[in-house]
C-alpha atoms as a PDB file:
ATOM      1  CA  UNK A   1     -29.561  11.019 -13.159  1.00  0.00           C
ATOM      2  CA  UNK A   2     -29.335  14.207 -11.111  1.00  0.00           C
ATOM      3  CA  UNK A   3     -28.865  12.204  -7.912  1.00  0.00           C
ATOM      4  CA  UNK A   4     -25.906  10.426  -9.528  1.00  0.00           C
ATOM      5  CA  UNK A   5     -24.435  13.840 -10.362  1.00  0.00           C
ATOM      6  CA  UNK A   6     -24.843  14.815  -6.708  1.00  0.00           C
ATOM      7  CA  UNK A   7     -22.932  11.679  -5.726  1.00  0.00           C
ATOM      8  CA  UNK A   8     -20.178  12.546  -8.225  1.00  0.00           C
ATOM      9  CA  UNK A   9     -19.904  16.039  -6.709  1.00  0.00           C
ATOM     10  CA  UNK A  10     -19.588  14.494  -3.242  1.00  0.00           C
ATOM     11  CA  UNK A  11     -17.002  11.996  -4.474  1.00  0.00           C
ATOM     12  CA  UNK A  12     -14.877  14.725  -6.041  1.00  0.00           C
ATOM     13  CA  UNK A  13     -15.116  16.855  -2.887  1.00  0.00           C
ATOM     14  CA  UNK A  14     -14.103  13.989  -0.610  1.00  0.00           C
ATOM     15  CA  UNK A  15     -11.232  12.568  -2.651  1.00  0.00           C
ATOM     16  CA  UNK A  16      -9.969  15.334  -4.904  1.00  0.00           C
ATOM     17  CA  UNK A  17     -10.288  18.506  -2.775  1.00  0.00           C
ATOM     18  CA  UNK A  18      -8.269  17.936   0.427  1.00  0.00           C
ATOM     19  CA  UNK A  19      -9.297  21.148   2.265  1.00  0.00           C
ATOM     20  CA  UNK A  20     -12.957  20.188   1.958  1.00  0.00           C
ATOM     21  CA  UNK A  21     -12.328  16.569   2.919  1.00  0.00           C
ATOM     22  CA  UNK A  22     -10.419  17.555   6.059  1.00  0.00           C
ATOM     23  CA  UNK A  23     -13.148  19.861   7.325  1.00  0.00           C
ATOM     24  CA  UNK A  24     -16.317  17.866   7.940  1.00  0.00           C
ATOM     25  CA  UNK A  25     -18.454  20.963   8.491  1.00  0.00           C
ATOM     26  CA  UNK A  26     -17.620  22.385   5.070  1.00  0.00           C
ATOM     27  CA  UNK A  27     -18.403  19.047   3.446  1.00  0.00           C
ATOM     28  CA  UNK A  28     -21.678  18.821   5.378  1.00  0.00           C
ATOM     29  CA  UNK A  29     -22.774  22.292   4.299  1.00  0.00           C
ATOM     30  CA  UNK A  30     -21.885  21.669   0.646  1.00  0.00           C
ATOM     31  CA  UNK A  31     -23.696  18.327   0.561  1.00  0.00           C
ATOM     32  CA  UNK A  32     -26.658  19.844   2.401  1.00  0.00           C
ATOM     33  CA  UNK A  33     -26.937  22.561  -0.236  1.00  0.00           C
ATOM     34  CA  UNK A  34     -26.490  20.155  -3.178  1.00  0.00           C
ATOM     35  CA  UNK A  35     -28.869  17.476  -1.902  1.00  0.00           C
ATOM     36  CA  UNK A  36     -31.341  20.004  -0.520  1.00  0.00           C
ATOM     37  CA  UNK A  37     -31.355  21.811  -3.851  1.00  0.00           C
ATOM     38  CA  UNK A  38     -31.967  18.561  -5.717  1.00  0.00           C
ATOM     39  CA  UNK A  39     -34.763  17.616  -3.339  1.00  0.00           C
ATOM     40  CA  UNK A  40     -36.320  21.051  -3.850  1.00  0.00           C
ATOM     41  CA  UNK A  41     -36.088  20.706  -7.633  1.00  0.00           C
ATOM     42  CA  UNK A  42     -37.689  17.274  -7.462  1.00  0.00           C
ATOM     43  CA  UNK A  43     -40.544  18.582  -5.323  1.00  0.00           C
ATOM     44  CA  UNK A  44     -41.125  21.414  -7.796  1.00  0.00           C
ATOM     45  CA  UNK A  45     -41.064  18.977 -10.716  1.00  0.00           C
ATOM     46  CA  UNK A  46     -43.253  16.312  -9.077  1.00  0.00           C
ATOM     47  CA  UNK A  47     -45.908  18.705  -7.816  1.00  0.00           C
ATOM     48  CA  UNK A  48     -48.814  18.512 -10.217  1.00  0.00           C
ATOM     49  CA  UNK A  49     -52.588  18.247  -9.782  1.00  0.00           C
ATOM     50  CA  UNK A  50     -53.372  14.924  -8.184  1.00  0.00           C
ATOM     51  CA  UNK A  51     -49.846  14.248  -6.888  1.00  0.00           C
ATOM     52  CA  UNK A  52     -49.870  13.006  -3.332  1.00  0.00           C
ATOM     53  CA  UNK A  53     -47.311  13.579  -0.634  1.00  0.00           C
ATOM     54  CA  UNK A  54     -46.437   9.894  -0.871  1.00  0.00           C
ATOM     55  CA  UNK A  55     -45.240  10.306  -4.456  1.00  0.00           C
ATOM     56  CA  UNK A  56     -43.020  13.222  -3.518  1.00  0.00           C
ATOM     57  CA  UNK A  57     -41.673  11.529  -0.369  1.00  0.00           C
ATOM     58  CA  UNK A  58     -40.852   8.337  -2.238  1.00  0.00           C
ATOM     59  CA  UNK A  59     -39.101  10.300  -4.987  1.00  0.00           C
ATOM     60  CA  UNK A  60     -36.952  12.340  -2.613  1.00  0.00           C
ATOM     61  CA  UNK A  61     -36.244   9.347  -0.360  1.00  0.00           C
ATOM     62  CA  UNK A  62     -35.377   7.239  -3.390  1.00  0.00           C
ATOM     63  CA  UNK A  63     -32.949   9.912  -4.566  1.00  0.00           C
ATOM     64  CA  UNK A  64     -31.235  10.016  -1.190  1.00  0.00           C
ATOM     65  CA  UNK A  65     -31.182   6.216  -1.176  1.00  0.00           C
ATOM     66  CA  UNK A  66     -29.569   6.163  -4.622  1.00  0.00           C
ATOM     67  CA  UNK A  67     -26.939   8.613  -3.388  1.00  0.00           C
ATOM     68  CA  UNK A  68     -26.165   6.323  -0.447  1.00  0.00           C
ATOM     69  CA  UNK A  69     -26.151   3.195  -2.641  1.00  0.00           C
ATOM     70  CA  UNK A  70     -23.628   4.701  -5.042  1.00  0.00           C
ATOM     71  CA  UNK A  71     -21.465   5.763  -2.119  1.00  0.00           C
ATOM     72  CA  UNK A  72     -21.470   2.307  -0.530  1.00  0.00           C
ATOM     73  CA  UNK A  73     -21.043   0.234  -3.687  1.00  0.00           C
ATOM     74  CA  UNK A  74     -18.780   2.650  -5.521  1.00  0.00           C
ATOM     75  CA  UNK A  75     -16.486   3.772  -2.725  1.00  0.00           C
ATOM     76  CA  UNK A  76     -16.879   2.162   0.698  1.00  0.00           C
ATOM     77  CA  UNK A  77     -17.137  -1.477  -0.330  1.00  0.00           C
ATOM     78  CA  UNK A  78     -13.990  -1.535  -2.532  1.00  0.00           C
ATOM     79  CA  UNK A  79     -12.002   0.204   0.205  1.00  0.00           C
ATOM     80  CA  UNK A  80     -13.232  -2.320   2.775  1.00  0.00           C
ATOM     81  CA  UNK A  81     -12.171  -5.197   0.510  1.00  0.00           C
ATOM     82  CA  UNK A  82      -8.643  -3.747   0.329  1.00  0.00           C
ATOM     83  CA  UNK A  83      -8.535  -3.270   4.105  1.00  0.00           C
ATOM     84  CA  UNK A  84      -9.656  -6.846   4.736  1.00  0.00           C
ATOM     85  CA  UNK A  85      -6.970  -8.160   2.363  1.00  0.00           C
ATOM     86  CA  UNK A  86      -4.357  -5.929   4.056  1.00  0.00           C
ATOM     87  CA  UNK A  87      -5.387  -7.156   7.525  1.00  0.00           C
ATOM     88  CA  UNK A  88      -5.353 -10.784   6.427  1.00  0.00           C
ATOM     89  CA  UNK A  89      -1.911 -10.367   4.849  1.00  0.00           C
ATOM     90  CA  UNK A  90      -0.496  -8.769   8.003  1.00  0.00           C
ATOM     91  CA  UNK A  91      -2.048 -11.459  10.192  1.00  0.00           C
ATOM     92  CA  UNK A  92      -0.472 -14.204   8.078  1.00  0.00           C
ATOM     93  CA  UNK A  93       2.936 -12.528   8.143  1.00  0.00           C
ATOM     94  CA  UNK A  94       2.686 -11.650  11.811  1.00  0.00           C
ATOM     95  CA  UNK A  95       3.544  -8.034  11.137  1.00  0.00           C
ATOM     96  CA  UNK A  96       1.875  -4.891  12.291  1.00  0.00           C
ATOM     97  CA  UNK A  97       2.211  -1.614  10.506  1.00  0.00           C
ATOM     98  CA  UNK A  98       0.655   1.809  10.578  1.00  0.00           C
ATOM     99  CA  UNK A  99      -2.907   2.380   9.495  1.00  0.00           C
ATOM    100  CA  UNK A 100      -2.953   2.313   5.688  1.00  0.00           C
ATOM    101  CA  UNK A 101      -4.221   5.147   3.531  1.00  0.00           C
ATOM    102  CA  UNK A 102      -7.405   3.262   2.550  1.00  0.00           C
ATOM    103  CA  UNK A 103      -8.522   3.349   6.193  1.00  0.00           C
ATOM    104  CA  UNK A 104      -8.336   7.130   6.188  1.00  0.00           C
ATOM    105  CA  UNK A 105     -10.151   7.211   2.858  1.00  0.00           C
ATOM    106  CA  UNK A 106     -12.860   4.973   4.295  1.00  0.00           C
ATOM    107  CA  UNK A 107     -13.590   7.372   7.126  1.00  0.00           C
ATOM    108  CA  UNK A 108     -13.791  10.266   4.651  1.00  0.00           C
ATOM    109  CA  UNK A 109     -15.998   8.280   2.275  1.00  0.00           C
ATOM    110  CA  UNK A 110     -18.468   7.244   4.955  1.00  0.00           C
ATOM    111  CA  UNK A 111     -18.956  10.799   6.260  1.00  0.00           C
ATOM    112  CA  UNK A 112     -21.587  11.728   3.644  1.00  0.00           C
ATOM    113  CA  UNK A 113     -23.669   8.748   4.772  1.00  0.00           C
ATOM    114  CA  UNK A 114     -24.085  10.428   8.141  1.00  0.00           C
ATOM    115  CA  UNK A 115     -25.135  13.681   6.511  1.00  0.00           C
ATOM    116  CA  UNK A 116     -27.766  11.989   4.346  1.00  0.00           C
ATOM    117  CA  UNK A 117     -29.346   9.750   6.981  1.00  0.00           C
ATOM    118  CA  UNK A 118     -31.188  12.400   9.082  1.00  0.00           C
ATOM    119  CA  UNK A 119     -33.296  13.758   6.173  1.00  0.00           C
ATOM    120  CA  UNK A 120     -34.252  10.203   5.208  1.00  0.00           C
ATOM    121  CA  UNK A 121     -35.374   9.477   8.750  1.00  0.00           C
ATOM    122  CA  UNK A 122     -37.339  12.743   8.773  1.00  0.00           C
ATOM    123  CA  UNK A 123     -39.223  11.713   5.633  1.00  0.00           C
END
């Protein structure tokens, strides 16, 4: 549940707060703090006598994976479907127009994926 809240925070920052969305470094720092804080809370919660490092690593990695899954299925995939339909429509009509707004949204939506990948690889 808390990982879904982290995704919702990232979604709001990317799509509803333009100054944060335009500056990738600010978004990276905010997501680093939110996800790092959640990972820390999980480690504190999951540390009990007899808990192995595997349990903790799987829990934190699973949380990051859930964050990425929600981002891909909830944001990136629907935008890609609209872009494919837009491209197909323009190809059939033989027209070319400027890059649509969903393309810009797609680049903003996929940025958190890049911020989440390095910690997963480090696990």
